[in-house]
Amino acid sequence: MAEMEFRRGDHVSWASHSGRAYGVVREKLTERTHVRGHAVNASPEAPQYRIRNDDSGRDVAHRPEVLRHEPK
């Protein structure tokens, strides 16, 4: 399966404990960092995306395989 690519400003969704969550991609992460106090083990071979949650306004990080594009 081809790797999904997302760009800054893309509207995406992912499965959460309360159903589907929605947000906007802020950046592609390609090195180890922290998002809201949680370690994110991103690398160029295994990137993750920093996403601003539409409901909470908080940033989260997710792997591309759990995200899907949503219409704006």
PDB file of N, CA and C in Angstrom:
ATOM      1  N   MET A   1       0.837  -1.180   0.000  1.00  0.00           N
ATOM      2  CA  MET A   1       0.000   0.000   0.000  1.00  0.00           C
ATOM      3  C   MET A   1       0.882   1.243   0.000  1.00  0.00           C
ATOM      4  N   ALA A   2       0.547   2.225  -0.808  1.00  0.00           N
ATOM      5  CA  ALA A   2       1.342   3.440  -0.934  1.00  0.00           C
ATOM      6  C   ALA A   2       1.229   4.295   0.331  1.00  0.00           C
ATOM      7  N   GLU A   3       2.315   4.941   0.672  1.00  0.00           N
ATOM      8  CA  GLU A   3       2.345   5.834   1.829  1.00  0.00           C
ATOM      9  C   GLU A   3       1.510   7.079   1.537  1.00  0.00           C
ATOM     10  N   MET A   4       0.644   7.443   2.464  1.00  0.00           N
ATOM     11  CA  MET A   4      -0.167   8.638   2.309  1.00  0.00           C
ATOM     12  C   MET A   4       0.693   9.862   2.596  1.00  0.00           C
ATOM     13  N   GLU A   5       0.551  10.883   1.786  1.00  0.00           N
ATOM     14  CA  GLU A   5       1.255  12.148   1.993  1.00  0.00           C
ATOM     15  C   GLU A   5       0.232  13.211   2.332  1.00  0.00           C
ATOM     16  N   PHE A   6       0.553  14.017   3.304  1.00  0.00           N
ATOM     17  CA  PHE A   6      -0.308  15.113   3.713  1.00  0.00           C
ATOM     18  C   PHE A   6       0.518  16.387   3.708  1.00  0.00           C
ATOM     19  N   ARG A   7      -0.151  17.515   3.482  1.00  0.00           N
ATOM     20  CA  ARG A   7       0.528  18.803   3.455  1.00  0.00           C
ATOM     21  C   ARG A   7      -0.091  19.728   4.492  1.00  0.00           C
ATOM     22  N   ARG A   8       0.662  20.738   4.856  1.00  0.00           N
ATOM     23  CA  ARG A   8       0.174  21.756   5.783  1.00  0.00           C
ATOM     24  C   ARG A   8      -1.150  22.309   5.262  1.00  0.00           C
ATOM     25  N   GLY A   9      -2.143  22.358   6.145  1.00  0.00           N
ATOM     26  CA  GLY A   9      -3.454  22.885   5.765  1.00  0.00           C
ATOM     27  C   GLY A   9      -4.458  21.822   5.355  1.00  0.00           C
ATOM     28  N   ASP A  10      -4.016  20.575   5.122  1.00  0.00           N
ATOM     29  CA  ASP A  10      -4.943  19.496   4.774  1.00  0.00           C
ATOM     30  C   ASP A  10      -5.873  19.213   5.947  1.00  0.00           C
ATOM     31  N   HIS A  11      -7.158  19.034   5.669  1.00  0.00           N
ATOM     32  CA  HIS A  11      -8.121  18.657   6.704  1.00  0.00           C
ATOM     33  C   HIS A  11      -8.169  17.135   6.742  1.00  0.00           C
ATOM     34  N   VAL A  12      -7.970  16.556   7.935  1.00  0.00           N
ATOM     35  CA  VAL A  12      -7.879  15.105   8.083  1.00  0.00           C
ATOM     36  C   VAL A  12      -8.754  14.637   9.242  1.00  0.00           C
ATOM     37  N   SER A  13      -8.953  13.324   9.307  1.00  0.00           N
ATOM     38  CA  SER A  13      -9.647  12.720  10.447  1.00  0.00           C
ATOM     39  C   SER A  13      -8.920  11.451  10.853  1.00  0.00           C
ATOM     40  N   TRP A  14      -9.225  10.995  12.083  1.00  0.00           N
ATOM     41  CA  TRP A  14      -8.637   9.758  12.608  1.00  0.00           C
ATOM     42  C   TRP A  14      -9.597   9.191  13.635  1.00  0.00           C
ATOM     43  N   ALA A  15      -9.459   7.888  13.908  1.00  0.00           N
ATOM     44  CA  ALA A  15     -10.309   7.227  14.895  1.00  0.00           C
ATOM     45  C   ALA A  15      -9.853   7.640  16.293  1.00  0.00           C
ATOM     46  N   SER A  16     -10.816   7.995  17.131  1.00  0.00           N
ATOM     47  CA  SER A  16     -10.515   8.319  18.522  1.00  0.00           C
ATOM     48  C   SER A  16     -11.451   7.520  19.418  1.00  0.00           C
ATOM     49  N   HIS A  17     -11.232   7.591  20.709  1.00  0.00           N
ATOM     50  CA  HIS A  17     -12.068   6.830  21.640  1.00  0.00           C
ATOM     51  C   HIS A  17     -13.527   7.279  21.605  1.00  0.00           C
ATOM     52  N   SER A  18     -13.791   8.482  21.115  1.00  0.00           N
ATOM     53  CA  SER A  18     -15.172   8.986  21.081  1.00  0.00           C
ATOM     54  C   SER A  18     -15.744   9.026  19.660  1.00  0.00           C
ATOM     55  N   GLY A  19     -15.162   8.292  18.739  1.00  0.00           N
ATOM     56  CA  GLY A  19     -15.629   8.284  17.345  1.00  0.00           C
ATOM     57  C   GLY A  19     -14.533   8.802  16.436  1.00  0.00           C
ATOM     58  N   ARG A  20     -14.874   9.681  15.492  1.00  0.00           N
ATOM     59  CA  ARG A  20     -13.881  10.275  14.604  1.00  0.00           C
ATOM     60  C   ARG A  20     -13.512  11.654  15.106  1.00  0.00           C
ATOM     61  N   ALA A  21     -12.236  11.965  15.041  1.00  0.00           N
ATOM     62  CA  ALA A  21     -11.739  13.291  15.395  1.00  0.00           C
ATOM     63  C   ALA A  21     -11.243  13.956  14.113  1.00  0.00           C
ATOM     64  N   TYR A  22     -11.301  15.263  14.092  1.00  0.00           N
ATOM     65  CA  TYR A  22     -10.957  16.027  12.890  1.00  0.00           C
ATOM     66  C   TYR A  22      -9.959  17.122  13.242  1.00  0.00           C
ATOM     67  N   GLY A  23      -9.122  17.455  12.267  1.00  0.00           N
ATOM     68  CA  GLY A  23      -8.155  18.517  12.494  1.00  0.00           C
ATOM     69  C   GLY A  23      -7.462  18.922  11.210  1.00  0.00           C
ATOM     70  N   VAL A  24      -6.518  19.845  11.358  1.00  0.00           N
ATOM     71  CA  VAL A  24      -5.772  20.394  10.225  1.00  0.00           C
ATOM     72  C   VAL A  24      -4.291  20.108  10.429  1.00  0.00           C
ATOM     73  N   VAL A  25      -3.641  19.607   9.384  1.00  0.00           N
ATOM     74  CA  VAL A  25      -2.209  19.302   9.432  1.00  0.00           C
ATOM     75  C   VAL A  25      -1.427  20.604   9.585  1.00  0.00           C
ATOM     76  N   ARG A  26      -0.544  20.628  10.578  1.00  0.00           N
ATOM     77  CA  ARG A  26       0.300  21.800  10.811  1.00  0.00           C
ATOM     78  C   ARG A  26       1.706  21.599  10.266  1.00  0.00           C
ATOM     79  N   GLU A  27       2.248  20.352  10.425  1.00  0.00           N
ATOM     80  CA  GLU A  27       3.592  20.092   9.901  1.00  0.00           C
ATOM     81  C   GLU A  27       3.866  18.596   9.864  1.00  0.00           C
ATOM     82  N   LYS A  28       4.832  18.232   9.023  1.00  0.00           N
ATOM     83  CA  LYS A  28       5.316  16.857   8.947  1.00  0.00           C
ATOM     84  C   LYS A  28       6.508  16.749   9.880  1.00  0.00           C
ATOM     85  N   LEU A  29       6.486  15.762  10.771  1.00  0.00           N
ATOM     86  CA  LEU A  29       7.564  15.550  11.734  1.00  0.00           C
ATOM     87  C   LEU A  29       8.485  14.447  11.227  1.00  0.00           C
ATOM     88  N   THR A  30       9.783  14.730  11.158  1.00  0.00           N
ATOM     89  CA  THR A  30      10.738  13.740  10.650  1.00  0.00           C
ATOM     90  C   THR A  30      11.883  13.495  11.621  1.00  0.00           C
ATOM     91  N   GLU A  31      11.749  13.980  12.850  1.00  0.00           N
ATOM     92  CA  GLU A  31      12.742  13.677  13.877  1.00  0.00           C
ATOM     93  C   GLU A  31      12.046  13.581  15.223  1.00  0.00           C
ATOM     94  N   ARG A  32      12.699  12.922  16.170  1.00  0.00           N
ATOM     95  CA  ARG A  32      12.121  12.726  17.501  1.00  0.00           C
ATOM     96  C   ARG A  32      11.838  14.088  18.137  1.00  0.00           C
ATOM     97  N   THR A  33      10.633  14.230  18.700  1.00  0.00           N
ATOM     98  CA  THR A  33      10.228  15.471  19.340  1.00  0.00           C
ATOM     99  C   THR A  33       9.175  15.165  20.397  1.00  0.00           C
ATOM    100  N   HIS A  34       8.625  16.187  20.994  1.00  0.00           N
ATOM    101  CA  HIS A  34       7.541  16.045  21.964  1.00  0.00           C
ATOM    102  C   HIS A  34       6.360  16.889  21.520  1.00  0.00           C
ATOM    103  N   VAL A  35       5.167  16.333  21.663  1.00  0.00           N
ATOM    104  CA  VAL A  35       3.928  17.060  21.386  1.00  0.00           C
ATOM    105  C   VAL A  35       3.066  16.935  22.627  1.00  0.00           C
ATOM    106  N   ARG A  36       2.783  18.062  23.261  1.00  0.00           N
ATOM    107  CA  ARG A  36       1.989  18.097  24.488  1.00  0.00           C
ATOM    108  C   ARG A  36       2.537  17.144  25.559  1.00  0.00           C
ATOM    109  N   GLY A  37       3.865  17.083  25.677  1.00  0.00           N
ATOM    110  CA  GLY A  37       4.483  16.271  26.711  1.00  0.00           C
ATOM    111  C   GLY A  37       4.667  14.807  26.371  1.00  0.00           C
ATOM    112  N   HIS A  38       4.237  14.400  25.177  1.00  0.00           N
ATOM    113  CA  HIS A  38       4.379  13.002  24.756  1.00  0.00           C
ATOM    114  C   HIS A  38       5.498  12.890  23.724  1.00  0.00           C
ATOM    115  N   ALA A  39       6.340  11.877  23.892  1.00  0.00           N
ATOM    116  CA  ALA A  39       7.415  11.642  22.934  1.00  0.00           C
ATOM    117  C   ALA A  39       6.835  11.160  21.613  1.00  0.00           C
ATOM    118  N   VAL A  40       7.356  11.712  20.521  1.00  0.00           N
ATOM    119  CA  VAL A  40       6.947  11.315  19.175  1.00  0.00           C
ATOM    120  C   VAL A  40       8.203  10.808  18.484  1.00  0.00           C
ATOM    121  N   ASN A  41       8.229   9.514  18.177  1.00  0.00           N
ATOM    122  CA  ASN A  41       9.404   8.891  17.575  1.00  0.00           C
ATOM    123  C   ASN A  41       9.334   8.944  16.050  1.00  0.00           C
ATOM    124  N   ALA A  42       9.308  10.140  15.520  1.00  0.00           N
ATOM    125  CA  ALA A  42       9.261  10.320  14.067  1.00  0.00           C
ATOM    126  C   ALA A  42      10.674  10.262  13.501  1.00  0.00           C
ATOM    127  N   SER A  43      10.765   9.891  12.231  1.00  0.00           N
ATOM    128  CA  SER A  43      12.039   9.864  11.524  1.00  0.00           C
ATOM    129  C   SER A  43      11.735  10.073  10.040  1.00  0.00           C
ATOM    130  N   PRO A  44      12.761  10.331   9.219  1.00  0.00           N
ATOM    131  CA  PRO A  44      12.501  10.471   7.777  1.00  0.00           C
ATOM    132  C   PRO A  44      11.872   9.207   7.172  1.00  0.00           C
ATOM    133  N   GLU A  45      12.230   8.021   7.716  1.00  0.00           N
ATOM    134  CA  GLU A  45      11.672   6.765   7.212  1.00  0.00           C
ATOM    135  C   GLU A  45      10.280   6.488   7.770  1.00  0.00           C
ATOM    136  N   ALA A  46       9.955   7.065   8.917  1.00  0.00           N
ATOM    137  CA  ALA A  46       8.656   6.852   9.573  1.00  0.00           C
ATOM    138  C   ALA A  46       8.130   8.195  10.092  1.00  0.00           C
ATOM    139  N   PRO A  47       7.702   9.071   9.163  1.00  0.00           N
ATOM    140  CA  PRO A  47       7.251  10.398   9.588  1.00  0.00           C
ATOM    141  C   PRO A  47       5.914  10.337  10.323  1.00  0.00           C
ATOM    142  N   GLN A  48       5.649  11.369  11.082  1.00  0.00           N
ATOM    143  CA  GLN A  48       4.346  11.566  11.701  1.00  0.00           C
ATOM    144  C   GLN A  48       3.913  12.993  11.397  1.00  0.00           C
ATOM    145  N   TYR A  49       2.661  13.303  11.692  1.00  0.00           N
ATOM    146  CA  TYR A  49       2.130  14.629  11.405  1.00  0.00           C
ATOM    147  C   TYR A  49       1.598  15.280  12.664  1.00  0.00           C
ATOM    148  N   ARG A  50       1.949  16.563  12.843  1.00  0.00           N
ATOM    149  CA  ARG A  50       1.392  17.369  13.926  1.00  0.00           C
ATOM    150  C   ARG A  50       0.085  17.960  13.397  1.00  0.00           C
ATOM    151  N   ILE A  51      -1.000  17.723  14.137  1.00  0.00           N
ATOM    152  CA  ILE A  51      -2.338  18.117  13.703  1.00  0.00           C
ATOM    153  C   ILE A  51      -2.992  18.943  14.797  1.00  0.00           C
ATOM    154  N   ARG A  52      -3.636  20.040  14.420  1.00  0.00           N
ATOM    155  CA  ARG A  52      -4.404  20.853  15.366  1.00  0.00           C
ATOM    156  C   ARG A  52      -5.835  20.337  15.369  1.00  0.00           C
ATOM    157  N   ASN A  53      -6.264  19.797  16.517  1.00  0.00           N
ATOM    158  CA  ASN A  53      -7.605  19.228  16.665  1.00  0.00           C
ATOM    159  C   ASN A  53      -8.651  20.328  16.534  1.00  0.00           C
ATOM    160  N   ASP A  54      -9.665  20.101  15.689  1.00  0.00           N
ATOM    161  CA  ASP A  54     -10.718  21.098  15.458  1.00  0.00           C
ATOM    162  C   ASP A  54     -11.505  21.406  16.722  1.00  0.00           C
ATOM    163  N   ASP A  55     -11.788  20.409  17.555  1.00  0.00           N
ATOM    164  CA  ASP A  55     -12.631  20.612  18.738  1.00  0.00           C
ATOM    165  C   ASP A  55     -11.870  21.221  19.909  1.00  0.00           C
ATOM    166  N   SER A  56     -10.715  20.662  20.234  1.00  0.00           N
ATOM    167  CA  SER A  56      -9.990  21.098  21.431  1.00  0.00           C
ATOM    168  C   SER A  56      -8.997  22.228  21.150  1.00  0.00           C
ATOM    169  N   GLY A  57      -8.566  22.359  19.891  1.00  0.00           N
ATOM    170  CA  GLY A  57      -7.545  23.348  19.564  1.00  0.00           C
ATOM    171  C   GLY A  57      -6.151  22.922  19.977  1.00  0.00           C
ATOM    172  N   ARG A  58      -6.000  21.697  20.465  1.00  0.00           N
ATOM    173  CA  ARG A  58      -4.700  21.184  20.892  1.00  0.00           C
ATOM    174  C   ARG A  58      -4.024  20.437  19.760  1.00  0.00           C
ATOM    175  N   ASP A  59      -2.693  20.391  19.828  1.00  0.00           N
ATOM    176  CA  ASP A  59      -1.922  19.645  18.839  1.00  0.00           C
ATOM    177  C   ASP A  59      -1.814  18.182  19.248  1.00  0.00           C
ATOM    178  N   VAL A  60      -1.873  17.312  18.251  1.00  0.00           N
ATOM    179  CA  VAL A  60      -1.669  15.879  18.429  1.00  0.00           C
ATOM    180  C   VAL A  60      -0.725  15.421  17.328  1.00  0.00           C
ATOM    181  N   ALA A  61      -0.145  14.238  17.473  1.00  0.00           N
ATOM    182  CA  ALA A  61       0.724  13.669  16.445  1.00  0.00           C
ATOM    183  C   ALA A  61       0.192  12.292  16.075  1.00  0.00           C
ATOM    184  N   HIS A  62       0.165  12.005  14.756  1.00  0.00           N
ATOM    185  CA  HIS A  62      -0.311  10.710  14.278  1.00  0.00           C
ATOM    186  C   HIS A  62       0.521  10.237  13.100  1.00  0.00           C
ATOM    187  N   ARG A  63       0.614   8.916  12.978  1.00  0.00           N
ATOM    188  CA  ARG A  63       1.248   8.304  11.809  1.00  0.00           C
ATOM    189  C   ARG A  63       0.312   8.466  10.606  1.00  0.00           C
ATOM    190  N   PRO A  64       0.845   8.538   9.400  1.00  0.00           N
ATOM    191  CA  PRO A  64       0.000   8.758   8.225  1.00  0.00           C
ATOM    192  C   PRO A  64      -1.012   7.647   7.966  1.00  0.00           C
ATOM    193  N   GLU A  65      -0.712   6.415   8.377  1.00  0.00           N
ATOM    194  CA  GLU A  65      -1.628   5.308   8.078  1.00  0.00           C
ATOM    195  C   GLU A  65      -2.940   5.381   8.861  1.00  0.00           C
ATOM    196  N   VAL A  66      -3.002   6.178   9.920  1.00  0.00           N
ATOM    197  CA  VAL A  66      -4.248   6.293  10.677  1.00  0.00           C
ATOM    198  C   VAL A  66      -5.075   7.497  10.244  1.00  0.00           C
ATOM    199  N   LEU A  67      -4.522   8.315   9.347  1.00  0.00           N
ATOM    200  CA  LEU A  67      -5.205   9.531   8.900  1.00  0.00           C
ATOM    201  C   LEU A  67      -5.910   9.318   7.574  1.00  0.00           C
ATOM    202  N   ARG A  68      -6.981  10.090   7.354  1.00  0.00           N
ATOM    203  CA  ARG A  68      -7.590  10.117   6.028  1.00  0.00           C
ATOM    204  C   ARG A  68      -7.982  11.548   5.691  1.00  0.00           C
ATOM    205  N   HIS A  69      -7.866  11.875   4.403  1.00  0.00           N
ATOM    206  CA  HIS A  69      -8.244  13.215   3.935  1.00  0.00           C
ATOM    207  C   HIS A  69      -9.736  13.430   4.102  1.00  0.00           C
ATOM    208  N   GLU A  70     -10.119  14.634   4.471  1.00  0.00           N
ATOM    209  CA  GLU A  70     -11.516  15.014   4.611  1.00  0.00           C
ATOM    210  C   GLU A  70     -11.757  16.260   3.771  1.00  0.00           C
ATOM    211  N   PRO A  71     -12.976  16.400   3.222  1.00  0.00           N
ATOM    212  CA  PRO A  71     -13.265  17.637   2.493  1.00  0.00           C
ATOM    213  C   PRO A  71     -13.284  18.822   3.452  1.00  0.00           C
ATOM    214  N   LYS A  72     -12.899  19.983   2.947  1.00  0.00           N
ATOM    215  CA  LYS A  72     -12.848  21.187   3.792  1.00  0.00           C
ATOM    216  C   LYS A  72     -14.224  21.734   4.048  1.00  0.00           C
TER     217      LYS A  72
END
